[in-house]
N, C-alpha and C. Protein backbone atom coordinates (compact mmCIF):
# COMPACT_ATOMS: atom_id res chain seq x y z
N MET A 1 2.90 -19.40 -1.39
CA MET A 1 2.05 -18.22 -1.54
C MET A 1 2.82 -17.08 -2.19
N LYS A 2 2.10 -16.18 -2.81
CA LYS A 2 2.71 -15.03 -3.48
C LYS A 2 2.69 -13.82 -2.54
N ASP A 3 3.80 -13.07 -2.57
CA ASP A 3 3.87 -11.85 -1.77
C ASP A 3 2.97 -10.78 -2.37
N LEU A 4 2.25 -10.05 -1.49
CA LEU A 4 1.29 -9.05 -1.93
C LEU A 4 1.55 -7.74 -1.20
N ILE A 5 1.58 -6.64 -1.96
CA ILE A 5 1.74 -5.30 -1.41
C ILE A 5 0.52 -4.47 -1.80
N ILE A 6 -0.04 -3.78 -0.82
CA ILE A 6 -1.22 -2.95 -1.04
C ILE A 6 -0.79 -1.50 -1.22
N LEU A 7 -1.23 -0.89 -2.30
CA LEU A 7 -0.94 0.52 -2.57
C LEU A 7 -1.98 1.37 -1.86
N GLY A 8 -1.51 2.20 -0.93
CA GLY A 8 -2.41 3.02 -0.13
C GLY A 8 -2.72 2.34 1.19
N ALA A 9 -2.62 3.12 2.28
CA ALA A 9 -2.82 2.56 3.62
C ALA A 9 -4.02 3.20 4.31
N GLY A 10 -4.98 3.68 3.53
CA GLY A 10 -6.19 4.26 4.10
C GLY A 10 -7.20 3.20 4.50
N GLY A 11 -8.41 3.66 4.83
CA GLY A 11 -9.43 2.75 5.34
C GLY A 11 -9.79 1.63 4.38
N THR A 12 -9.80 1.91 3.08
CA THR A 12 -10.17 0.90 2.10
C THR A 12 -9.18 -0.25 2.09
N ALA A 13 -7.94 0.01 2.48
CA ALA A 13 -6.92 -1.04 2.49
C ALA A 13 -7.34 -2.20 3.39
N PHE A 14 -8.06 -1.89 4.47
CA PHE A 14 -8.50 -2.95 5.37
C PHE A 14 -9.44 -3.91 4.66
N ASP A 15 -10.28 -3.39 3.75
CA ASP A 15 -11.17 -4.25 2.97
C ASP A 15 -10.37 -5.22 2.10
N LEU A 16 -9.27 -4.73 1.52
CA LEU A 16 -8.44 -5.60 0.68
C LEU A 16 -7.78 -6.70 1.50
N ILE A 17 -7.36 -6.35 2.71
CA ILE A 17 -6.81 -7.38 3.60
C ILE A 17 -7.87 -8.45 3.86
N ASP A 18 -9.10 -8.02 4.14
CA ASP A 18 -10.18 -8.97 4.40
C ASP A 18 -10.42 -9.89 3.21
N ILE A 19 -10.40 -9.31 2.00
CA ILE A 19 -10.62 -10.14 0.81
C ILE A 19 -9.49 -11.16 0.64
N ALA A 20 -8.24 -10.71 0.82
CA ALA A 20 -7.11 -11.63 0.69
C ALA A 20 -7.21 -12.75 1.72
N ILE A 21 -7.60 -12.42 2.94
CA ILE A 21 -7.75 -13.44 3.99
C ILE A 21 -8.87 -14.41 3.63
N ALA A 22 -9.98 -13.89 3.11
CA ALA A 22 -11.09 -14.76 2.70
C ALA A 22 -10.66 -15.70 1.58
N MET A 23 -9.87 -15.20 0.63
CA MET A 23 -9.36 -16.05 -0.44
C MET A 23 -8.45 -17.13 0.12
N ASN A 24 -7.61 -16.76 1.09
CA ASN A 24 -6.67 -17.72 1.67
C ASN A 24 -7.39 -18.84 2.43
N LYS A 25 -8.59 -18.56 2.92
CA LYS A 25 -9.35 -19.61 3.62
C LYS A 25 -9.81 -20.70 2.65
N ILE A 26 -9.99 -20.32 1.39
CA ILE A 26 -10.36 -21.29 0.36
C ILE A 26 -9.12 -22.00 -0.18
N LYS A 27 -8.10 -21.21 -0.47
CA LYS A 27 -6.82 -21.72 -0.98
C LYS A 27 -5.74 -20.72 -0.64
N LYS A 28 -4.66 -21.18 -0.03
CA LYS A 28 -3.57 -20.29 0.36
C LYS A 28 -2.96 -19.65 -0.89
N GLN A 29 -3.10 -18.30 -0.99
CA GLN A 29 -2.61 -17.60 -2.18
C GLN A 29 -1.72 -16.42 -1.85
N TRP A 30 -2.07 -15.63 -0.80
CA TRP A 30 -1.43 -14.33 -0.63
C TRP A 30 -0.75 -14.19 0.72
N ASN A 31 0.50 -13.77 0.67
CA ASN A 31 1.28 -13.41 1.85
C ASN A 31 1.40 -11.88 1.84
N ILE A 32 0.66 -11.21 2.70
CA ILE A 32 0.64 -9.74 2.69
C ILE A 32 1.91 -9.21 3.34
N LEU A 33 2.72 -8.49 2.55
CA LEU A 33 3.96 -7.91 3.07
C LEU A 33 3.70 -6.60 3.80
N GLY A 34 2.72 -5.82 3.32
CA GLY A 34 2.44 -4.52 3.91
C GLY A 34 1.97 -3.55 2.86
N PHE A 35 2.19 -2.25 3.14
CA PHE A 35 1.66 -1.18 2.30
C PHE A 35 2.78 -0.32 1.72
N LEU A 36 2.45 0.34 0.61
CA LEU A 36 3.22 1.48 0.11
C LEU A 36 2.27 2.66 0.07
N ASP A 37 2.71 3.80 0.63
CA ASP A 37 1.84 4.97 0.71
C ASP A 37 2.70 6.22 0.59
N ASP A 38 2.20 7.22 -0.13
CA ASP A 38 2.98 8.44 -0.35
C ASP A 38 2.93 9.42 0.82
N ASN A 39 2.22 9.08 1.87
CA ASN A 39 2.28 9.87 3.11
C ASN A 39 3.51 9.40 3.90
N GLU A 40 4.58 10.15 3.79
CA GLU A 40 5.85 9.72 4.38
C GLU A 40 5.79 9.64 5.90
N GLU A 41 4.82 10.28 6.52
CA GLU A 41 4.68 10.20 7.97
C GLU A 41 4.24 8.80 8.43
N LEU A 42 3.71 8.02 7.49
CA LEU A 42 3.26 6.67 7.84
C LEU A 42 4.36 5.62 7.73
N ILE A 43 5.44 5.95 7.03
CA ILE A 43 6.48 4.96 6.77
C ILE A 43 7.08 4.45 8.09
N GLY A 44 7.15 3.15 8.21
CA GLY A 44 7.68 2.51 9.40
C GLY A 44 6.62 2.19 10.44
N LYS A 45 5.42 2.73 10.27
CA LYS A 45 4.34 2.45 11.21
C LYS A 45 3.58 1.19 10.78
N ASN A 46 2.88 0.59 11.73
CA ASN A 46 2.01 -0.53 11.43
C ASN A 46 0.57 -0.04 11.28
N ILE A 47 -0.07 -0.43 10.20
CA ILE A 47 -1.46 -0.12 9.94
C ILE A 47 -2.19 -1.45 9.79
N TYR A 48 -3.24 -1.66 10.59
CA TYR A 48 -3.97 -2.92 10.54
C TYR A 48 -3.02 -4.12 10.71
N ASN A 49 -2.00 -3.93 11.54
CA ASN A 49 -1.02 -4.98 11.87
C ASN A 49 -0.05 -5.32 10.74
N PHE A 50 0.01 -4.46 9.72
CA PHE A 50 0.98 -4.65 8.65
C PHE A 50 1.79 -3.35 8.50
N PRO A 51 3.08 -3.47 8.12
CA PRO A 51 3.93 -2.27 8.06
C PRO A 51 3.74 -1.45 6.80
N VAL A 52 3.94 -0.14 6.94
CA VAL A 52 4.04 0.74 5.76
C VAL A 52 5.51 0.72 5.35
N LEU A 53 5.78 0.15 4.20
CA LEU A 53 7.15 -0.19 3.78
C LEU A 53 7.88 0.98 3.13
N GLY A 54 7.14 1.93 2.57
CA GLY A 54 7.76 3.05 1.87
C GLY A 54 6.74 3.75 1.00
N THR A 55 7.22 4.59 0.10
CA THR A 55 6.33 5.29 -0.83
C THR A 55 6.05 4.40 -2.04
N ILE A 56 5.04 4.79 -2.80
CA ILE A 56 4.63 3.97 -3.94
C ILE A 56 5.72 3.88 -5.00
N SER A 57 6.50 4.94 -5.17
CA SER A 57 7.59 4.89 -6.15
C SER A 57 8.67 3.87 -5.78
N GLN A 58 8.69 3.44 -4.52
CA GLN A 58 9.65 2.42 -4.10
C GLN A 58 9.19 1.01 -4.43
N SER A 59 8.08 0.90 -5.14
CA SER A 59 7.60 -0.41 -5.57
C SER A 59 8.63 -1.16 -6.41
N LYS A 60 9.51 -0.42 -7.10
CA LYS A 60 10.51 -1.05 -7.96
C LYS A 60 11.45 -1.95 -7.18
N LYS A 61 11.53 -1.78 -5.87
CA LYS A 61 12.41 -2.61 -5.05
C LYS A 61 11.87 -4.03 -4.89
N TYR A 62 10.57 -4.19 -5.11
CA TYR A 62 9.91 -5.47 -4.83
C TYR A 62 9.68 -6.22 -6.14
N LYS A 63 10.75 -6.79 -6.63
CA LYS A 63 10.76 -7.35 -7.97
C LYS A 63 9.96 -8.64 -8.10
N ASN A 64 9.65 -9.28 -6.97
CA ASN A 64 8.91 -10.54 -7.04
C ASN A 64 7.51 -10.44 -6.44
N ALA A 65 7.16 -9.28 -5.95
CA ALA A 65 5.86 -9.13 -5.29
C ALA A 65 4.77 -8.80 -6.31
N TYR A 66 3.54 -9.02 -5.87
CA TYR A 66 2.36 -8.59 -6.62
C TYR A 66 1.75 -7.38 -5.90
N PHE A 67 0.97 -6.60 -6.64
CA PHE A 67 0.44 -5.36 -6.10
C PHE A 67 -1.07 -5.31 -6.28
N THR A 68 -1.71 -4.55 -5.39
CA THR A 68 -3.13 -4.27 -5.52
C THR A 68 -3.37 -2.85 -4.98
N SER A 69 -4.32 -2.15 -5.57
CA SER A 69 -4.51 -0.74 -5.25
C SER A 69 -5.80 -0.52 -4.46
N SER A 70 -5.65 0.18 -3.32
CA SER A 70 -6.81 0.56 -2.51
C SER A 70 -7.20 2.02 -2.75
N ILE A 71 -6.60 2.65 -3.75
CA ILE A 71 -6.75 4.08 -3.98
C ILE A 71 -8.10 4.41 -4.60
N GLY A 72 -8.72 5.47 -4.12
CA GLY A 72 -9.96 5.95 -4.73
C GLY A 72 -10.31 7.34 -4.21
N ASP A 73 -10.73 8.22 -5.11
CA ASP A 73 -11.12 9.58 -4.72
C ASP A 73 -12.17 10.06 -5.72
N ALA A 74 -13.37 10.33 -5.22
CA ALA A 74 -14.47 10.71 -6.11
C ALA A 74 -14.15 11.94 -6.94
N TYR A 75 -13.34 12.86 -6.41
CA TYR A 75 -13.08 14.11 -7.11
C TYR A 75 -11.74 14.11 -7.85
N LYS A 76 -11.09 12.94 -7.86
CA LYS A 76 -9.86 12.77 -8.63
C LYS A 76 -9.98 11.45 -9.38
N THR A 77 -10.79 11.46 -10.43
CA THR A 77 -11.14 10.21 -11.09
C THR A 77 -9.96 9.53 -11.77
N LYS A 78 -8.88 10.28 -12.04
CA LYS A 78 -7.71 9.69 -12.67
C LYS A 78 -6.67 9.22 -11.66
N LEU A 79 -6.98 9.31 -10.38
CA LEU A 79 -5.98 9.02 -9.36
C LEU A 79 -5.52 7.57 -9.39
N ARG A 80 -6.43 6.63 -9.60
CA ARG A 80 -6.01 5.23 -9.68
C ARG A 80 -5.01 5.02 -10.83
N MET A 81 -5.26 5.66 -11.96
CA MET A 81 -4.34 5.55 -13.09
C MET A 81 -2.99 6.16 -12.77
N ILE A 82 -2.99 7.32 -12.11
CA ILE A 82 -1.74 8.00 -11.75
C ILE A 82 -0.91 7.11 -10.82
N VAL A 83 -1.56 6.53 -9.83
CA VAL A 83 -0.85 5.64 -8.90
C VAL A 83 -0.34 4.40 -9.62
N ARG A 84 -1.16 3.84 -10.49
CA ARG A 84 -0.74 2.64 -11.24
C ARG A 84 0.54 2.91 -12.03
N LYS A 85 0.66 4.10 -12.60
CA LYS A 85 1.82 4.41 -13.43
C LYS A 85 3.11 4.54 -12.61
N LYS A 86 2.98 4.66 -11.30
CA LYS A 86 4.17 4.74 -10.44
C LYS A 86 4.80 3.37 -10.22
N VAL A 87 4.09 2.32 -10.58
CA VAL A 87 4.60 0.96 -10.39
C VAL A 87 5.16 0.47 -11.72
N PRO A 88 6.49 0.28 -11.81
CA PRO A 88 7.14 0.04 -13.11
C PRO A 88 7.12 -1.42 -13.55
N PHE A 89 5.99 -2.09 -13.36
CA PHE A 89 5.87 -3.48 -13.75
C PHE A 89 4.64 -3.65 -14.64
N SER A 90 4.56 -4.77 -15.32
CA SER A 90 3.46 -5.03 -16.25
C SER A 90 2.15 -5.26 -15.48
N ASN A 91 1.05 -5.22 -16.21
CA ASN A 91 -0.26 -5.46 -15.61
C ASN A 91 -0.33 -6.81 -14.91
N GLU A 92 0.41 -7.78 -15.42
CA GLU A 92 0.37 -9.12 -14.85
C GLU A 92 0.86 -9.17 -13.41
N ARG A 93 1.57 -8.14 -12.98
CA ARG A 93 2.07 -8.09 -11.61
C ARG A 93 1.05 -7.48 -10.65
N PHE A 94 -0.14 -7.21 -11.14
CA PHE A 94 -1.22 -6.73 -10.28
C PHE A 94 -2.18 -7.88 -9.99
N ALA A 95 -2.37 -8.13 -8.71
CA ALA A 95 -3.21 -9.24 -8.28
C ALA A 95 -4.69 -8.89 -8.46
N SER A 96 -5.47 -9.88 -8.84
CA SER A 96 -6.92 -9.74 -8.81
C SER A 96 -7.41 -10.34 -7.50
N LEU A 97 -7.98 -9.50 -6.67
CA LEU A 97 -8.53 -9.94 -5.39
C LEU A 97 -10.04 -10.05 -5.54
N ILE A 98 -10.55 -11.27 -5.48
CA ILE A 98 -11.96 -11.53 -5.72
C ILE A 98 -12.53 -12.28 -4.53
N HIS A 99 -13.46 -11.67 -3.83
CA HIS A 99 -14.03 -12.30 -2.66
C HIS A 99 -14.78 -13.58 -3.05
N PRO A 100 -14.66 -14.63 -2.24
CA PRO A 100 -15.29 -15.91 -2.60
C PRO A 100 -16.80 -15.85 -2.76
N THR A 101 -17.48 -14.83 -2.18
CA THR A 101 -18.93 -14.75 -2.32
C THR A 101 -19.37 -14.01 -3.58
N ALA A 102 -18.44 -13.49 -4.36
CA ALA A 102 -18.80 -12.86 -5.63
C ALA A 102 -19.36 -13.92 -6.58
N ILE A 103 -20.36 -13.53 -7.37
CA ILE A 103 -20.98 -14.43 -8.36
C ILE A 103 -20.51 -13.99 -9.73
N ILE A 104 -19.73 -14.84 -10.39
CA ILE A 104 -19.08 -14.45 -11.63
C ILE A 104 -19.38 -15.47 -12.72
N SER A 105 -19.95 -15.00 -13.81
CA SER A 105 -20.24 -15.88 -14.94
C SER A 105 -18.96 -16.47 -15.51
N ASP A 106 -19.05 -17.69 -15.99
CA ASP A 106 -17.90 -18.32 -16.65
C ASP A 106 -17.47 -17.56 -17.89
N SER A 107 -18.39 -16.78 -18.48
CA SER A 107 -18.05 -16.05 -19.70
C SER A 107 -17.56 -14.63 -19.43
N ALA A 108 -17.53 -14.22 -18.16
CA ALA A 108 -17.01 -12.90 -17.82
C ALA A 108 -15.49 -12.88 -17.95
N ILE A 109 -14.94 -11.74 -18.32
CA ILE A 109 -13.50 -11.56 -18.45
C ILE A 109 -13.05 -10.50 -17.45
N ILE A 110 -12.05 -10.83 -16.65
CA ILE A 110 -11.54 -9.92 -15.62
C ILE A 110 -10.05 -9.73 -15.86
N GLU A 111 -9.66 -8.50 -16.13
CA GLU A 111 -8.25 -8.21 -16.36
C GLU A 111 -7.49 -8.15 -15.02
N HIS A 112 -6.16 -8.14 -15.11
CA HIS A 112 -5.32 -8.13 -13.92
C HIS A 112 -5.57 -6.87 -13.09
N GLY A 113 -5.48 -7.04 -11.77
CA GLY A 113 -5.56 -5.90 -10.87
C GLY A 113 -6.94 -5.55 -10.38
N ALA A 114 -7.95 -6.36 -10.72
CA ALA A 114 -9.31 -6.07 -10.27
C ALA A 114 -9.44 -6.37 -8.77
N VAL A 115 -10.24 -5.55 -8.11
CA VAL A 115 -10.65 -5.81 -6.72
C VAL A 115 -12.16 -5.96 -6.74
N ILE A 116 -12.65 -7.12 -6.31
CA ILE A 116 -14.08 -7.41 -6.37
C ILE A 116 -14.54 -7.87 -4.99
N TYR A 117 -15.39 -7.06 -4.39
CA TYR A 117 -15.88 -7.32 -3.03
C TYR A 117 -16.89 -8.47 -3.03
N GLY A 118 -17.32 -8.83 -1.81
CA GLY A 118 -18.34 -9.85 -1.66
C GLY A 118 -19.68 -9.40 -2.21
N ASN A 119 -20.45 -10.39 -2.67
CA ASN A 119 -21.82 -10.18 -3.16
C ASN A 119 -21.89 -9.31 -4.40
N VAL A 120 -20.80 -9.23 -5.14
CA VAL A 120 -20.82 -8.60 -6.47
C VAL A 120 -21.24 -9.65 -7.49
N THR A 121 -22.03 -9.24 -8.47
CA THR A 121 -22.45 -10.15 -9.54
C THR A 121 -21.95 -9.64 -10.88
N LEU A 122 -21.24 -10.51 -11.60
CA LEU A 122 -20.83 -10.24 -12.98
C LEU A 122 -21.57 -11.22 -13.88
N SER A 123 -22.48 -10.72 -14.68
CA SER A 123 -23.30 -11.56 -15.53
C SER A 123 -22.54 -11.97 -16.80
N GLY A 124 -23.23 -12.65 -17.69
CA GLY A 124 -22.59 -13.21 -18.86
C GLY A 124 -21.91 -12.18 -19.74
N ARG A 125 -20.69 -12.50 -20.16
CA ARG A 125 -19.90 -11.71 -21.11
C ARG A 125 -19.59 -10.30 -20.61
N VAL A 126 -19.57 -10.13 -19.32
CA VAL A 126 -19.10 -8.87 -18.74
C VAL A 126 -17.59 -8.78 -18.91
N PHE A 127 -17.10 -7.57 -19.15
CA PHE A 127 -15.66 -7.32 -19.23
C PHE A 127 -15.27 -6.30 -18.18
N VAL A 128 -14.30 -6.66 -17.35
CA VAL A 128 -13.79 -5.77 -16.31
C VAL A 128 -12.33 -5.47 -16.63
N GLY A 129 -12.01 -4.20 -16.82
CA GLY A 129 -10.67 -3.80 -17.24
C GLY A 129 -9.63 -3.86 -16.14
N HIS A 130 -8.43 -3.43 -16.47
CA HIS A 130 -7.30 -3.46 -15.55
C HIS A 130 -7.49 -2.46 -14.41
N ASP A 131 -7.16 -2.89 -13.19
CA ASP A 131 -7.12 -2.00 -12.03
C ASP A 131 -8.49 -1.42 -11.71
N VAL A 132 -9.52 -2.25 -11.83
CA VAL A 132 -10.90 -1.84 -11.55
C VAL A 132 -11.27 -2.26 -10.13
N PHE A 133 -12.08 -1.44 -9.47
CA PHE A 133 -12.47 -1.64 -8.08
C PHE A 133 -13.99 -1.71 -8.02
N LEU A 134 -14.53 -2.87 -7.64
CA LEU A 134 -15.98 -3.07 -7.58
C LEU A 134 -16.38 -3.35 -6.14
N CYS A 135 -17.10 -2.43 -5.52
CA CYS A 135 -17.50 -2.57 -4.13
C CYS A 135 -18.72 -3.49 -3.99
N GLY A 136 -19.03 -3.85 -2.74
CA GLY A 136 -20.02 -4.85 -2.44
C GLY A 136 -21.41 -4.55 -2.97
N ASN A 137 -22.14 -5.64 -3.29
CA ASN A 137 -23.53 -5.58 -3.74
C ASN A 137 -23.70 -4.82 -5.04
N THR A 138 -22.67 -4.79 -5.86
CA THR A 138 -22.76 -4.20 -7.19
C THR A 138 -23.15 -5.29 -8.19
N PHE A 139 -24.02 -4.94 -9.11
CA PHE A 139 -24.52 -5.87 -10.13
C PHE A 139 -24.21 -5.33 -11.52
N LEU A 140 -23.55 -6.14 -12.32
CA LEU A 140 -23.27 -5.79 -13.72
C LEU A 140 -24.03 -6.75 -14.61
N GLY A 141 -24.99 -6.21 -15.37
CA GLY A 141 -25.78 -7.04 -16.28
C GLY A 141 -24.96 -7.54 -17.45
N HIS A 142 -25.55 -8.44 -18.22
CA HIS A 142 -24.81 -9.10 -19.30
C HIS A 142 -24.23 -8.09 -20.29
N GLU A 143 -23.02 -8.37 -20.70
CA GLU A 143 -22.29 -7.62 -21.73
C GLU A 143 -21.91 -6.20 -21.32
N CYS A 144 -21.91 -5.92 -20.03
CA CYS A 144 -21.37 -4.64 -19.58
C CYS A 144 -19.86 -4.61 -19.74
N VAL A 145 -19.32 -3.43 -19.99
CA VAL A 145 -17.88 -3.23 -20.14
C VAL A 145 -17.46 -2.12 -19.17
N ILE A 146 -16.47 -2.43 -18.32
CA ILE A 146 -15.94 -1.44 -17.38
C ILE A 146 -14.48 -1.18 -17.76
N GLY A 147 -14.17 0.07 -18.09
CA GLY A 147 -12.83 0.43 -18.52
C GLY A 147 -11.82 0.40 -17.40
N ASP A 148 -10.56 0.61 -17.76
CA ASP A 148 -9.45 0.55 -16.80
C ASP A 148 -9.58 1.64 -15.73
N HIS A 149 -9.08 1.31 -14.53
CA HIS A 149 -8.92 2.28 -13.42
C HIS A 149 -10.24 2.87 -12.93
N CYS A 150 -11.34 2.15 -13.10
CA CYS A 150 -12.63 2.63 -12.61
C CYS A 150 -12.87 2.17 -11.17
N LEU A 151 -13.70 2.94 -10.46
CA LEU A 151 -14.16 2.54 -9.14
C LEU A 151 -15.68 2.65 -9.10
N LEU A 152 -16.34 1.52 -8.84
CA LEU A 152 -17.79 1.49 -8.68
C LEU A 152 -18.07 1.21 -7.21
N SER A 153 -18.72 2.16 -6.56
CA SER A 153 -18.92 2.08 -5.13
C SER A 153 -20.04 1.10 -4.79
N VAL A 154 -20.42 1.08 -3.51
CA VAL A 154 -21.37 0.08 -3.00
C VAL A 154 -22.72 0.19 -3.69
N GLY A 155 -23.28 -0.96 -4.08
CA GLY A 155 -24.66 -1.02 -4.53
C GLY A 155 -24.93 -0.39 -5.87
N ASN A 156 -23.98 -0.45 -6.79
CA ASN A 156 -24.24 0.01 -8.16
C ASN A 156 -25.02 -1.08 -8.91
N TYR A 157 -25.97 -0.64 -9.74
CA TYR A 157 -26.74 -1.57 -10.57
C TYR A 157 -26.67 -1.09 -12.01
N LEU A 158 -25.99 -1.86 -12.84
CA LEU A 158 -25.86 -1.54 -14.26
C LEU A 158 -26.63 -2.59 -15.05
N ALA A 159 -27.63 -2.15 -15.80
CA ALA A 159 -28.39 -3.07 -16.63
C ALA A 159 -27.51 -3.54 -17.79
N SER A 160 -28.07 -4.29 -18.68
CA SER A 160 -27.27 -4.95 -19.72
C SER A 160 -26.64 -3.96 -20.70
N ASP A 161 -25.46 -4.36 -21.22
CA ASP A 161 -24.82 -3.65 -22.33
C ASP A 161 -24.50 -2.20 -22.00
N VAL A 162 -24.05 -1.96 -20.78
CA VAL A 162 -23.60 -0.64 -20.36
C VAL A 162 -22.09 -0.57 -20.56
N ASN A 163 -21.62 0.52 -21.12
CA ASN A 163 -20.19 0.70 -21.38
C ASN A 163 -19.67 1.88 -20.57
N VAL A 164 -18.79 1.59 -19.62
CA VAL A 164 -18.20 2.63 -18.77
C VAL A 164 -16.75 2.83 -19.21
N GLY A 165 -16.37 4.07 -19.52
CA GLY A 165 -15.03 4.35 -20.01
C GLY A 165 -13.97 4.24 -18.92
N ASN A 166 -12.75 4.60 -19.26
CA ASN A 166 -11.63 4.53 -18.32
C ASN A 166 -11.74 5.64 -17.26
N CYS A 167 -11.19 5.36 -16.10
CA CYS A 167 -11.03 6.38 -15.04
C CYS A 167 -12.34 7.03 -14.62
N CYS A 168 -13.36 6.20 -14.41
CA CYS A 168 -14.64 6.72 -13.94
C CYS A 168 -14.87 6.34 -12.48
N TYR A 169 -15.62 7.18 -11.80
CA TYR A 169 -15.99 6.93 -10.40
C TYR A 169 -17.50 6.99 -10.31
N LEU A 170 -18.12 5.88 -9.89
CA LEU A 170 -19.57 5.82 -9.70
C LEU A 170 -19.84 5.68 -8.21
N GLY A 171 -20.55 6.65 -7.65
CA GLY A 171 -20.79 6.68 -6.22
C GLY A 171 -21.78 5.62 -5.75
N VAL A 172 -22.06 5.64 -4.46
CA VAL A 172 -22.94 4.66 -3.84
C VAL A 172 -24.32 4.68 -4.50
N GLY A 173 -24.84 3.49 -4.84
CA GLY A 173 -26.21 3.37 -5.29
C GLY A 173 -26.53 3.92 -6.66
N VAL A 174 -25.53 4.05 -7.53
CA VAL A 174 -25.80 4.51 -8.90
C VAL A 174 -26.53 3.41 -9.68
N MET A 175 -27.51 3.83 -10.48
CA MET A 175 -28.25 2.90 -11.33
C MET A 175 -28.16 3.39 -12.78
N VAL A 176 -27.88 2.46 -13.69
CA VAL A 176 -27.67 2.83 -15.10
C VAL A 176 -28.57 1.96 -15.98
N ARG A 177 -29.35 2.62 -16.83
CA ARG A 177 -30.24 1.92 -17.76
C ARG A 177 -29.44 1.13 -18.80
N HIS A 178 -30.06 0.15 -19.41
CA HIS A 178 -29.37 -0.67 -20.40
C HIS A 178 -28.94 0.16 -21.62
N GLN A 179 -27.88 -0.30 -22.27
CA GLN A 179 -27.35 0.28 -23.51
C GLN A 179 -26.95 1.74 -23.37
N ILE A 180 -26.39 2.08 -22.21
CA ILE A 180 -25.90 3.43 -21.95
C ILE A 180 -24.38 3.42 -22.03
N THR A 181 -23.80 4.51 -22.53
CA THR A 181 -22.36 4.70 -22.53
C THR A 181 -21.99 5.86 -21.61
N ILE A 182 -21.03 5.62 -20.73
CA ILE A 182 -20.47 6.67 -19.88
C ILE A 182 -19.03 6.88 -20.33
N GLY A 183 -18.71 8.08 -20.76
CA GLY A 183 -17.39 8.35 -21.32
C GLY A 183 -16.27 8.30 -20.29
N ASP A 184 -15.04 8.41 -20.77
CA ASP A 184 -13.87 8.39 -19.89
C ASP A 184 -13.91 9.54 -18.87
N ASN A 185 -13.33 9.27 -17.71
CA ASN A 185 -13.06 10.31 -16.71
C ASN A 185 -14.34 11.02 -16.26
N CYS A 186 -15.35 10.22 -15.91
CA CYS A 186 -16.61 10.78 -15.43
C CYS A 186 -16.81 10.49 -13.95
N LEU A 187 -17.45 11.42 -13.26
CA LEU A 187 -17.89 11.25 -11.89
C LEU A 187 -19.41 11.21 -11.88
N ILE A 188 -19.95 10.09 -11.38
CA ILE A 188 -21.40 9.94 -11.23
C ILE A 188 -21.69 9.90 -9.74
N GLY A 189 -22.42 10.88 -9.24
CA GLY A 189 -22.61 11.04 -7.81
C GLY A 189 -23.56 10.01 -7.21
N MET A 190 -23.51 9.92 -5.90
CA MET A 190 -24.30 8.97 -5.11
C MET A 190 -25.79 9.04 -5.45
N GLY A 191 -26.38 7.87 -5.69
CA GLY A 191 -27.82 7.77 -5.88
C GLY A 191 -28.33 8.23 -7.23
N THR A 192 -27.45 8.53 -8.16
CA THR A 192 -27.87 9.04 -9.46
C THR A 192 -28.41 7.91 -10.33
N LYS A 193 -29.48 8.22 -11.08
CA LYS A 193 -30.03 7.28 -12.06
C LYS A 193 -29.69 7.80 -13.46
N ILE A 194 -28.96 7.00 -14.21
CA ILE A 194 -28.49 7.40 -15.54
C ILE A 194 -29.40 6.77 -16.59
N VAL A 195 -30.09 7.62 -17.37
CA VAL A 195 -31.02 7.13 -18.38
C VAL A 195 -30.63 7.57 -19.79
N LYS A 196 -29.53 8.32 -19.91
CA LYS A 196 -29.01 8.65 -21.22
C LYS A 196 -27.49 8.67 -21.15
N SER A 197 -26.84 8.52 -22.29
CA SER A 197 -25.38 8.42 -22.31
C SER A 197 -24.73 9.71 -21.84
N ILE A 198 -23.53 9.57 -21.27
CA ILE A 198 -22.81 10.67 -20.65
C ILE A 198 -21.51 10.92 -21.41
N SER A 199 -21.24 12.16 -21.75
CA SER A 199 -20.02 12.52 -22.48
C SER A 199 -18.79 12.38 -21.59
N PRO A 200 -17.61 12.17 -22.18
CA PRO A 200 -16.38 12.11 -21.39
C PRO A 200 -16.18 13.37 -20.56
N ASN A 201 -15.48 13.21 -19.45
CA ASN A 201 -15.10 14.32 -18.56
C ASN A 201 -16.30 15.04 -17.96
N SER A 202 -17.39 14.29 -17.73
CA SER A 202 -18.60 14.88 -17.18
C SER A 202 -18.71 14.58 -15.68
N LYS A 203 -19.42 15.46 -14.99
CA LYS A 203 -19.75 15.26 -13.58
C LYS A 203 -21.27 15.31 -13.46
N VAL A 204 -21.85 14.22 -12.99
CA VAL A 204 -23.30 14.12 -12.86
C VAL A 204 -23.62 13.90 -11.39
N ILE A 205 -24.26 14.88 -10.77
CA ILE A 205 -24.52 14.83 -9.34
C ILE A 205 -26.03 14.87 -9.11
N ASN A 206 -26.52 13.94 -8.34
CA ASN A 206 -27.93 13.91 -7.94
C ASN A 206 -28.06 14.70 -6.64
N LYS A 207 -28.67 15.87 -6.69
CA LYS A 207 -28.79 16.71 -5.51
C LYS A 207 -29.92 16.18 -4.63
N LEU A 208 -29.55 15.71 -3.46
CA LEU A 208 -30.53 15.12 -2.55
C LEU A 208 -31.05 16.21 -1.60
N GLU A 209 -32.36 16.29 -1.50
CA GLU A 209 -32.97 17.24 -0.58
C GLU A 209 -32.97 16.64 0.83
N THR A 210 -32.52 17.38 1.80
CA THR A 210 -32.46 16.91 3.18
C THR A 210 -33.28 17.83 4.07
N LEU A 211 -34.23 17.26 4.78
CA LEU A 211 -35.05 18.01 5.71
C LEU A 211 -34.55 17.76 7.12
N ILE A 212 -34.12 18.82 7.80
CA ILE A 212 -33.62 18.71 9.16
C ILE A 212 -34.66 19.31 10.10
N THR A 213 -35.13 18.51 11.04
CA THR A 213 -36.11 18.98 12.00
C THR A 213 -35.62 18.73 13.41
N ASP A 214 -36.27 19.37 14.35
CA ASP A 214 -35.95 19.17 15.75
C ASP A 214 -36.53 17.83 16.19
N ASN A 215 -35.63 16.91 16.57
CA ASN A 215 -36.06 15.55 16.92
C ASN A 215 -36.53 15.49 18.36
N GLN A 216 -37.61 16.25 18.66
CA GLN A 216 -38.15 16.29 20.03
C GLN A 216 -39.64 15.97 20.01
């Protein structure tokens, strides 16, 4: 088995552990060594029964390990890219963690470092870039392109031929019409429906009306 180190020891890291364990049930692939996290207060502690080994810049010590990133922040869309650059190894040293229940076309292309949750669908000729994070129940229609360092949250639905640039964050339940382009470094808020192309460095937020009443 190959040694695996998870970048970031937050809640999302537990999902990556689950995916690695699910993959190992099909075929033994990953030996999880632990985490690297820039919160120095965590170093030496056990998180989810695995140790925090050091900061992310200390990744250079692990010359034979593979890495995967649990990092994501809706308001820091470039954060995954920033963390990736702290690891001084080639893209090939980033593991692709793909849950066995994901449905992936034989013609889809997945670059190194992808994290793909259960029940994700990648249709024909989809391209998923380096260090991309696809949460559960996300659907990518045929010929969609997802740029490097993107995070698509739970339940995204992208119709055919959608092009998402680098370093984008799409919140829970985003829906995108076919033949739409979303530029680099965009934040698309939860529940937003995209029906026209979005310029780079844009923030698109769907303001949800909430009615609070006395539940008596």
